[in-house]
Amino acid sequence: KLGANGEPWYTPLTASWNPLVWPRFQFNPIMFRILPILLRAAEFARLVPQGTCKTQVMLQAGGIGCANGGITGAFTPMFLMVARKPL
């Protein structure tokens, strides 16, 4: 359950106000609104491929969902079941 620093596995997916902690900084409410705008501008300027903004929004929503699932104890990434339909 705990990482190398004794933190829960979902800590990188939770919000932080420290701009030096990038993976966590993007989840705070201000960056949650600003980052899509910056990515749309970069898409318009053709600095990044089209669809980058939509992909980032989807991944950010997934990260928040994973963090909420970890905080509530609904699931942990340590359990993975890979199945294949029998022929």
PDB file of N, CA and C in Angstrom:
ATOM      1  N   LYS A   1       0.809  -1.202   0.000  1.00  0.00           N
ATOM      2  CA  LYS A   1       0.000   0.000   0.000  1.00  0.00           C
ATOM      3  C   LYS A   1       0.851   1.263   0.000  1.00  0.00           C
ATOM      4  N   LEU A   2       1.995   1.210   0.623  1.00  0.00           N
ATOM      5  CA  LEU A   2       2.794   2.408   0.753  1.00  0.00           C
ATOM      6  C   LEU A   2       3.946   2.395  -0.230  1.00  0.00           C
ATOM      7  N   GLY A   3       4.285   3.599  -0.722  1.00  0.00           N
ATOM      8  CA  GLY A   3       5.393   3.730  -1.650  1.00  0.00           C
ATOM      9  C   GLY A   3       6.723   3.773  -0.928  1.00  0.00           C
ATOM     10  N   ALA A   4       7.756   4.150  -1.654  1.00  0.00           N
ATOM     11  CA  ALA A   4       9.109   4.177  -1.103  1.00  0.00           C
ATOM     12  C   ALA A   4       9.236   5.185   0.042  1.00  0.00           C
ATOM     13  N   ASN A   5       8.493   6.282  -0.034  1.00  0.00           N
ATOM     14  CA  ASN A   5       8.570   7.313   1.009  1.00  0.00           C
ATOM     15  C   ASN A   5       7.520   7.116   2.097  1.00  0.00           C
ATOM     16  N   GLY A   6       6.827   6.003   2.087  1.00  0.00           N
ATOM     17  CA  GLY A   6       5.781   5.772   3.068  1.00  0.00           C
ATOM     18  C   GLY A   6       4.467   6.432   2.693  1.00  0.00           C
ATOM     19  N   GLU A   7       4.355   6.891   1.447  1.00  0.00           N
ATOM     20  CA  GLU A   7       3.127   7.536   0.981  1.00  0.00           C
ATOM     21  C   GLU A   7       2.212   6.498   0.351  1.00  0.00           C
ATOM     22  N   PRO A   8       0.906   6.735   0.387  1.00  0.00           N
ATOM     23  CA  PRO A   8      -0.011   5.829  -0.311  1.00  0.00           C
ATOM     24  C   PRO A   8       0.236   5.890  -1.825  1.00  0.00           C
ATOM     25  N   TRP A   9      -0.161   4.862  -2.533  1.00  0.00           N
ATOM     26  CA  TRP A   9       0.094   4.773  -3.976  1.00  0.00           C
ATOM     27  C   TRP A   9      -0.579   5.886  -4.765  1.00  0.00           C
ATOM     28  N   TYR A  10      -1.681   6.428  -4.242  1.00  0.00           N
ATOM     29  CA  TYR A  10      -2.438   7.434  -4.979  1.00  0.00           C
ATOM     30  C   TYR A  10      -1.950   8.864  -4.752  1.00  0.00           C
ATOM     31  N   THR A  11      -0.932   9.049  -3.931  1.00  0.00           N
ATOM     32  CA  THR A  11      -0.439  10.399  -3.636  1.00  0.00           C
ATOM     33  C   THR A  11      -0.057  11.201  -4.885  1.00  0.00           C
ATOM     34  N   PRO A  12       0.611  10.621  -5.894  1.00  0.00           N
ATOM     35  CA  PRO A  12       0.928  11.418  -7.091  1.00  0.00           C
ATOM     36  C   PRO A  12      -0.303  11.877  -7.868  1.00  0.00           C
ATOM     37  N   LEU A  13      -1.466  11.313  -7.578  1.00  0.00           N
ATOM     38  CA  LEU A  13      -2.687  11.681  -8.286  1.00  0.00           C
ATOM     39  C   LEU A  13      -3.553  12.658  -7.513  1.00  0.00           C
ATOM     40  N   THR A  14      -3.066  13.152  -6.383  1.00  0.00           N
ATOM     41  CA  THR A  14      -3.816  14.115  -5.586  1.00  0.00           C
ATOM     42  C   THR A  14      -3.258  15.514  -5.807  1.00  0.00           C
ATOM     43  N   ALA A  15      -4.060  16.513  -5.503  1.00  0.00           N
ATOM     44  CA  ALA A  15      -3.689  17.911  -5.771  1.00  0.00           C
ATOM     45  C   ALA A  15      -2.575  18.405  -4.853  1.00  0.00           C
ATOM     46  N   SER A  16      -1.753  19.296  -5.392  1.00  0.00           N
ATOM     47  CA  SER A  16      -0.702  19.955  -4.625  1.00  0.00           C
ATOM     48  C   SER A  16      -0.604  21.397  -5.106  1.00  0.00           C
ATOM     49  N   TRP A  17      -0.311  22.303  -4.192  1.00  0.00           N
ATOM     50  CA  TRP A  17      -0.144  23.711  -4.581  1.00  0.00           C
ATOM     51  C   TRP A  17       1.312  24.051  -4.839  1.00  0.00           C
ATOM     52  N   ASN A  18       2.211  23.098  -4.671  1.00  0.00           N
ATOM     53  CA  ASN A  18       3.630  23.330  -4.913  1.00  0.00           C
ATOM     54  C   ASN A  18       3.908  23.165  -6.414  1.00  0.00           C
ATOM     55  N   PRO A  19       4.270  24.254  -7.124  1.00  0.00           N
ATOM     56  CA  PRO A  19       4.487  24.142  -8.568  1.00  0.00           C
ATOM     57  C   PRO A  19       5.697  23.297  -8.946  1.00  0.00           C
ATOM     58  N   LEU A  20       6.556  22.960  -7.997  1.00  0.00           N
ATOM     59  CA  LEU A  20       7.719  22.133  -8.295  1.00  0.00           C
ATOM     60  C   LEU A  20       7.386  20.648  -8.287  1.00  0.00           C
ATOM     61  N   VAL A  21       6.203  20.323  -7.807  1.00  0.00           N
ATOM     62  CA  VAL A  21       5.763  18.932  -7.772  1.00  0.00           C
ATOM     63  C   VAL A  21       4.784  18.762  -8.931  1.00  0.00           C
ATOM     64  N   TRP A  22       5.320  18.629 -10.173  1.00  0.00           N
ATOM     65  CA  TRP A  22       4.480  18.714 -11.361  1.00  0.00           C
ATOM     66  C   TRP A  22       3.358  17.690 -11.436  1.00  0.00           C
ATOM     67  N   PRO A  23       3.594  16.416 -11.287  1.00  0.00           N
ATOM     68  CA  PRO A  23       2.446  15.524 -11.485  1.00  0.00           C
ATOM     69  C   PRO A  23       1.282  15.849 -10.560  1.00  0.00           C
ATOM     70  N   ARG A  24       1.567  16.337  -9.385  1.00  0.00           N
ATOM     71  CA  ARG A  24       0.494  16.670  -8.445  1.00  0.00           C
ATOM     72  C   ARG A  24      -0.023  18.076  -8.652  1.00  0.00           C
ATOM     73  N   PHE A  25       0.811  18.979  -9.157  1.00  0.00           N
ATOM     74  CA  PHE A  25       0.404  20.379  -9.332  1.00  0.00           C
ATOM     75  C   PHE A  25      -0.707  20.517 -10.364  1.00  0.00           C
ATOM     76  N   GLN A  26      -0.728  19.649 -11.372  1.00  0.00           N
ATOM     77  CA  GLN A  26      -1.748  19.768 -12.409  1.00  0.00           C
ATOM     78  C   GLN A  26      -3.144  19.406 -11.913  1.00  0.00           C
ATOM     79  N   PHE A  27      -3.256  18.792 -10.728  1.00  0.00           N
ATOM     80  CA  PHE A  27      -4.561  18.386 -10.210  1.00  0.00           C
ATOM     81  C   PHE A  27      -5.197  19.440  -9.304  1.00  0.00           C
ATOM     82  N   ASN A  28      -4.526  20.569  -9.047  1.00  0.00           N
ATOM     83  CA  ASN A  28      -5.174  21.586  -8.222  1.00  0.00           C
ATOM     84  C   ASN A  28      -6.219  22.322  -9.061  1.00  0.00           C
ATOM     85  N   PRO A  29      -7.208  22.961  -8.433  1.00  0.00           N
ATOM     86  CA  PRO A  29      -8.330  23.534  -9.177  1.00  0.00           C
ATOM     87  C   PRO A  29      -7.937  24.578 -10.222  1.00  0.00           C
ATOM     88  N   ILE A  30      -6.905  25.352  -9.966  1.00  0.00           N
ATOM     89  CA  ILE A  30      -6.512  26.389 -10.927  1.00  0.00           C
ATOM     90  C   ILE A  30      -5.909  25.756 -12.176  1.00  0.00           C
ATOM     91  N   MET A  31      -4.966  24.852 -12.005  1.00  0.00           N
ATOM     92  CA  MET A  31      -4.346  24.197 -13.167  1.00  0.00           C
ATOM     93  C   MET A  31      -5.336  23.283 -13.883  1.00  0.00           C
ATOM     94  N   PHE A  32      -6.312  22.775 -13.156  1.00  0.00           N
ATOM     95  CA  PHE A  32      -7.345  21.948 -13.771  1.00  0.00           C
ATOM     96  C   PHE A  32      -8.092  22.732 -14.839  1.00  0.00           C
ATOM     97  N   ARG A  33      -8.226  24.057 -14.639  1.00  0.00           N
ATOM     98  CA  ARG A  33      -8.907  24.925 -15.614  1.00  0.00           C
ATOM     99  C   ARG A  33      -7.943  25.510 -16.647  1.00  0.00           C
ATOM    100  N   ILE A  34      -6.723  25.831 -16.233  1.00  0.00           N
ATOM    101  CA  ILE A  34      -5.781  26.529 -17.127  1.00  0.00           C
ATOM    102  C   ILE A  34      -5.117  25.594 -18.128  1.00  0.00           C
ATOM    103  N   LEU A  35      -4.777  24.384 -17.723  1.00  0.00           N
ATOM    104  CA  LEU A  35      -4.029  23.483 -18.595  1.00  0.00           C
ATOM    105  C   LEU A  35      -4.741  23.176 -19.918  1.00  0.00           C
ATOM    106  N   PRO A  36      -6.054  22.910 -19.927  1.00  0.00           N
ATOM    107  CA  PRO A  36      -6.713  22.703 -21.218  1.00  0.00           C
ATOM    108  C   PRO A  36      -6.649  23.930 -22.139  1.00  0.00           C
ATOM    109  N   ILE A  37      -6.720  25.107 -21.561  1.00  0.00           N
ATOM    110  CA  ILE A  37      -6.626  26.331 -22.361  1.00  0.00           C
ATOM    111  C   ILE A  37      -5.237  26.447 -22.983  1.00  0.00           C
ATOM    112  N   LEU A  38      -4.208  26.172 -22.198  1.00  0.00           N
ATOM    113  CA  LEU A  38      -2.844  26.213 -22.726  1.00  0.00           C
ATOM    114  C   LEU A  38      -2.636  25.174 -23.824  1.00  0.00           C
ATOM    115  N   LEU A  39      -3.200  23.990 -23.620  1.00  0.00           N
ATOM    116  CA  LEU A  39      -3.046  22.946 -24.629  1.00  0.00           C
ATOM    117  C   LEU A  39      -3.815  23.269 -25.903  1.00  0.00           C
ATOM    118  N   ARG A  40      -4.987  23.880 -25.783  1.00  0.00           N
ATOM    119  CA  ARG A  40      -5.719  24.301 -26.983  1.00  0.00           C
ATOM    120  C   ARG A  40      -4.922  25.333 -27.766  1.00  0.00           C
ATOM    121  N   ALA A  41      -4.297  26.256 -27.045  1.00  0.00           N
ATOM    122  CA  ALA A  41      -3.464  27.255 -27.721  1.00  0.00           C
ATOM    123  C   ALA A  41      -2.275  26.586 -28.414  1.00  0.00           C
ATOM    124  N   ALA A  42      -1.686  25.609 -27.780  1.00  0.00           N
ATOM    125  CA  ALA A  42      -0.560  24.895 -28.387  1.00  0.00           C
ATOM    126  C   ALA A  42      -1.019  24.086 -29.605  1.00  0.00           C
ATOM    127  N   GLU A  43      -2.218  23.525 -29.521  1.00  0.00           N
ATOM    128  CA  GLU A  43      -2.771  22.818 -30.679  1.00  0.00           C
ATOM    129  C   GLU A  43      -3.005  23.784 -31.832  1.00  0.00           C
ATOM    130  N   PHE A  44      -3.541  24.956 -31.534  1.00  0.00           N
ATOM    131  CA  PHE A  44      -3.807  25.962 -32.562  1.00  0.00           C
ATOM    132  C   PHE A  44      -2.516  26.412 -33.232  1.00  0.00           C
ATOM    133  N   ALA A  45      -1.453  26.536 -32.434  1.00  0.00           N
ATOM    134  CA  ALA A  45      -0.148  26.950 -32.969  1.00  0.00           C
ATOM    135  C   ALA A  45       0.604  25.767 -33.588  1.00  0.00           C
ATOM    136  N   ARG A  46       0.005  24.596 -33.560  1.00  0.00           N
ATOM    137  CA  ARG A  46       0.585  23.367 -34.105  1.00  0.00           C
ATOM    138  C   ARG A  46       1.900  22.980 -33.410  1.00  0.00           C
ATOM    139  N   LEU A  47       1.973  23.303 -32.128  1.00  0.00           N
ATOM    140  CA  LEU A  47       3.128  22.891 -31.324  1.00  0.00           C
ATOM    141  C   LEU A  47       2.953  21.469 -30.800  1.00  0.00           C
ATOM    142  N   VAL A  48       1.698  21.077 -30.647  1.00  0.00           N
ATOM    143  CA  VAL A  48       1.370  19.716 -30.213  1.00  0.00           C
ATOM    144  C   VAL A  48       0.314  19.165 -31.173  1.00  0.00           C
ATOM    145  N   PRO A  49       0.193  17.850 -31.289  1.00  0.00           N
ATOM    146  CA  PRO A  49      -0.793  17.278 -32.210  1.00  0.00           C
ATOM    147  C   PRO A  49      -2.234  17.593 -31.799  1.00  0.00           C
ATOM    148  N   GLN A  50      -3.123  17.618 -32.775  1.00  0.00           N
ATOM    149  CA  GLN A  50      -4.539  17.808 -32.492  1.00  0.00           C
ATOM    150  C   GLN A  50      -5.025  16.666 -31.601  1.00  0.00           C
ATOM    151  N   GLY A  51      -5.894  16.979 -30.647  1.00  0.00           N
ATOM    152  CA  GLY A  51      -6.418  15.972 -29.731  1.00  0.00           C
ATOM    153  C   GLY A  51      -5.657  15.878 -28.422  1.00  0.00           C
ATOM    154  N   THR A  52      -4.557  16.621 -28.308  1.00  0.00           N
ATOM    155  CA  THR A  52      -3.768  16.574 -27.078  1.00  0.00           C
ATOM    156  C   THR A  52      -4.581  17.059 -25.888  1.00  0.00           C
ATOM    157  N   CYS A  53      -5.368  18.115 -26.077  1.00  0.00           N
ATOM    158  CA  CYS A  53      -6.177  18.665 -24.983  1.00  0.00           C
ATOM    159  C   CYS A  53      -7.210  17.644 -24.518  1.00  0.00           C
ATOM    160  N   LYS A  54      -7.903  17.017 -25.463  1.00  0.00           N
ATOM    161  CA  LYS A  54      -8.915  16.015 -25.095  1.00  0.00           C
ATOM    162  C   LYS A  54      -8.280  14.829 -24.368  1.00  0.00           C
ATOM    163  N   THR A  55      -7.120  14.426 -24.832  1.00  0.00           N
ATOM    164  CA  THR A  55      -6.421  13.308 -24.185  1.00  0.00           C
ATOM    165  C   THR A  55      -6.017  13.669 -22.767  1.00  0.00           C
ATOM    166  N   GLN A  56      -5.508  14.878 -22.570  1.00  0.00           N
ATOM    167  CA  GLN A  56      -5.085  15.316 -21.240  1.00  0.00           C
ATOM    168  C   GLN A  56      -6.279  15.390 -20.298  1.00  0.00           C
ATOM    169  N   VAL A  57      -7.407  15.907 -20.758  1.00  0.00           N
ATOM    170  CA  VAL A  57      -8.604  16.010 -19.919  1.00  0.00           C
ATOM    171  C   VAL A  57      -9.079  14.609 -19.516  1.00  0.00           C
ATOM    172  N   MET A  58      -9.061  13.662 -20.478  1.00  0.00           N
ATOM    173  CA  MET A  58      -9.479  12.291 -20.184  1.00  0.00           C
ATOM    174  C   MET A  58      -8.542  11.640 -19.160  1.00  0.00           C
ATOM    175  N   LEU A  59      -7.231  11.788 -19.358  1.00  0.00           N
ATOM    176  CA  LEU A  59      -6.275  11.186 -18.433  1.00  0.00           C
ATOM    177  C   LEU A  59      -6.342  11.821 -17.051  1.00  0.00           C
ATOM    178  N   GLN A  60      -6.581  13.140 -17.012  1.00  0.00           N
ATOM    179  CA  GLN A  60      -6.698  13.822 -15.725  1.00  0.00           C
ATOM    180  C   GLN A  60      -7.938  13.326 -14.980  1.00  0.00           C
ATOM    181  N   ALA A  61      -9.058  13.156 -15.681  1.00  0.00           N
ATOM    182  CA  ALA A  61     -10.277  12.644 -15.043  1.00  0.00           C
ATOM    183  C   ALA A  61     -10.050  11.218 -14.538  1.00  0.00           C
ATOM    184  N   GLY A  62      -9.351  10.416 -15.323  1.00  0.00           N
ATOM    185  CA  GLY A  62      -9.035   9.058 -14.879  1.00  0.00           C
ATOM    186  C   GLY A  62      -8.148   9.045 -13.654  1.00  0.00           C
ATOM    187  N   GLY A  63      -7.177   9.952 -13.610  1.00  0.00           N
ATOM    188  CA  GLY A  63      -6.296  10.045 -12.449  1.00  0.00           C
ATOM    189  C   GLY A  63      -7.041  10.453 -11.198  1.00  0.00           C
ATOM    190  N   ILE A  64      -7.964  11.384 -11.344  1.00  0.00           N
ATOM    191  CA  ILE A  64      -8.768  11.807 -10.191  1.00  0.00           C
ATOM    192  C   ILE A  64      -9.647  10.662  -9.712  1.00  0.00           C
ATOM    193  N   GLY A  65     -10.224   9.923 -10.658  1.00  0.00           N
ATOM    194  CA  GLY A  65     -11.040   8.766 -10.283  1.00  0.00           C
ATOM    195  C   GLY A  65     -10.226   7.697  -9.565  1.00  0.00           C
ATOM    196  N   CYS A  66      -9.018   7.443 -10.048  1.00  0.00           N
ATOM    197  CA  CYS A  66      -8.143   6.465  -9.383  1.00  0.00           C
ATOM    198  C   CYS A  66      -7.767   6.924  -7.981  1.00  0.00           C
ATOM    199  N   ALA A  67      -7.465   8.208  -7.850  1.00  0.00           N
ATOM    200  CA  ALA A  67      -7.115   8.740  -6.530  1.00  0.00           C
ATOM    201  C   ALA A  67      -8.292   8.632  -5.570  1.00  0.00           C
ATOM    202  N   ASN A  68      -9.488   8.992  -6.037  1.00  0.00           N
ATOM    203  CA  ASN A  68     -10.670   8.887  -5.181  1.00  0.00           C
ATOM    204  C   ASN A  68     -10.942   7.437  -4.788  1.00  0.00           C
ATOM    205  N   GLY A  69     -10.742   6.520  -5.715  1.00  0.00           N
ATOM    206  CA  GLY A  69     -10.899   5.105  -5.394  1.00  0.00           C
ATOM    207  C   GLY A  69      -9.891   4.639  -4.358  1.00  0.00           C
ATOM    208  N   GLY A  70      -8.665   5.161  -4.439  1.00  0.00           N
ATOM    209  CA  GLY A  70      -7.643   4.809  -3.451  1.00  0.00           C
ATOM    210  C   GLY A  70      -7.915   5.426  -2.093  1.00  0.00           C
ATOM    211  N   ILE A  71      -8.375   6.679  -2.097  1.00  0.00           N
ATOM    212  CA  ILE A  71      -8.662   7.365  -0.833  1.00  0.00           C
ATOM    213  C   ILE A  71      -9.797   6.656  -0.084  1.00  0.00           C
ATOM    214  N   THR A  72     -10.833   6.268  -0.809  1.00  0.00           N
ATOM    215  CA  THR A  72     -11.967   5.601  -0.159  1.00  0.00           C
ATOM    216  C   THR A  72     -11.704   4.132   0.113  1.00  0.00           C
ATOM    217  N   GLY A  73     -10.617   3.605  -0.450  1.00  0.00           N
ATOM    218  CA  GLY A  73     -10.292   2.204  -0.244  1.00  0.00           C
ATOM    219  C   GLY A  73     -11.101   1.272  -1.132  1.00  0.00           C
ATOM    220  N   ALA A  74     -11.722   1.826  -2.175  1.00  0.00           N
ATOM    221  CA  ALA A  74     -12.554   1.013  -3.062  1.00  0.00           C
ATOM    222  C   ALA A  74     -11.722   0.009  -3.852  1.00  0.00           C
ATOM    223  N   PHE A  75     -10.515   0.392  -4.193  1.00  0.00           N
ATOM    224  CA  PHE A  75      -9.652  -0.527  -4.921  1.00  0.00           C
ATOM    225  C   PHE A  75      -8.203  -0.134  -4.725  1.00  0.00           C
ATOM    226  N   THR A  76      -7.341  -1.034  -5.114  1.00  0.00           N
ATOM    227  CA  THR A  76      -5.905  -0.796  -5.069  1.00  0.00           C
ATOM    228  C   THR A  76      -5.310  -1.355  -6.352  1.00  0.00           C
ATOM    229  N   PRO A  77      -4.283  -0.739  -6.890  1.00  0.00           N
ATOM    230  CA  PRO A  77      -3.722  -1.223  -8.150  1.00  0.00           C
ATOM    231  C   PRO A  77      -2.923  -2.517  -7.989  1.00  0.00           C
ATOM    232  N   MET A  78      -2.836  -3.026  -6.784  1.00  0.00           N
ATOM    233  CA  MET A  78      -2.066  -4.243  -6.555  1.00  0.00           C
ATOM    234  C   MET A  78      -2.805  -5.487  -7.025  1.00  0.00           C
ATOM    235  N   PHE A  79      -4.091  -5.381  -7.239  1.00  0.00           N
ATOM    236  CA  PHE A  79      -4.878  -6.522  -7.678  1.00  0.00           C
ATOM    237  C   PHE A  79      -5.203  -6.362  -9.153  1.00  0.00           C
ATOM    238  N   LEU A  80      -4.673  -7.254  -9.963  1.00  0.00           N
ATOM    239  CA  LEU A  80      -4.896  -7.218 -11.394  1.00  0.00           C
ATOM    240  C   LEU A  80      -5.235  -8.624 -11.852  1.00  0.00           C
ATOM    241  N   MET A  81      -6.354  -8.721 -12.528  1.00  0.00           N
ATOM    242  CA  MET A  81      -6.770 -10.027 -13.040  1.00  0.00           C
ATOM    243  C   MET A  81      -6.793  -9.950 -14.557  1.00  0.00           C
ATOM    244  N   VAL A  82      -6.022 -10.772 -15.182  1.00  0.00           N
ATOM    245  CA  VAL A  82      -6.002 -10.848 -16.636  1.00  0.00           C
ATOM    246  C   VAL A  82      -6.651 -12.168 -17.022  1.00  0.00           C
ATOM    247  N   ALA A  83      -7.695 -12.093 -17.804  1.00  0.00           N
ATOM    248  CA  ALA A  83      -8.419 -13.296 -18.190  1.00  0.00           C
ATOM    249  C   ALA A  83      -8.502 -13.401 -19.704  1.00  0.00           C
ATOM    250  N   ARG A  84      -8.673 -14.626 -20.157  1.00  0.00           N
ATOM    251  CA  ARG A  84      -8.854 -14.854 -21.573  1.00  0.00           C
ATOM    252  C   ARG A  84     -10.027 -15.809 -21.750  1.00  0.00           C
ATOM    253  N   LYS A  85     -10.894 -15.478 -22.669  1.00  0.00           N
ATOM    254  CA  LYS A  85     -12.061 -16.317 -22.925  1.00  0.00           C
ATOM    255  C   LYS A  85     -11.601 -17.657 -23.481  1.00  0.00           C
ATOM    256  N   PRO A  86     -12.070 -18.760 -22.905  1.00  0.00           N
ATOM    257  CA  PRO A  86     -11.663 -20.055 -23.417  1.00  0.00           C
ATOM    258  C   PRO A  86     -12.155 -20.260 -24.850  1.00  0.00           C
ATOM    259  N   LEU A  87     -11.366 -20.969 -25.614  1.00  0.00           N
ATOM    260  CA  LEU A  87     -11.753 -21.229 -27.006  1.00  0.00           C
ATOM    261  C   LEU A  87     -12.791 -22.296 -27.116  1.00  0.00           C
TER     262      LEU A  87
END
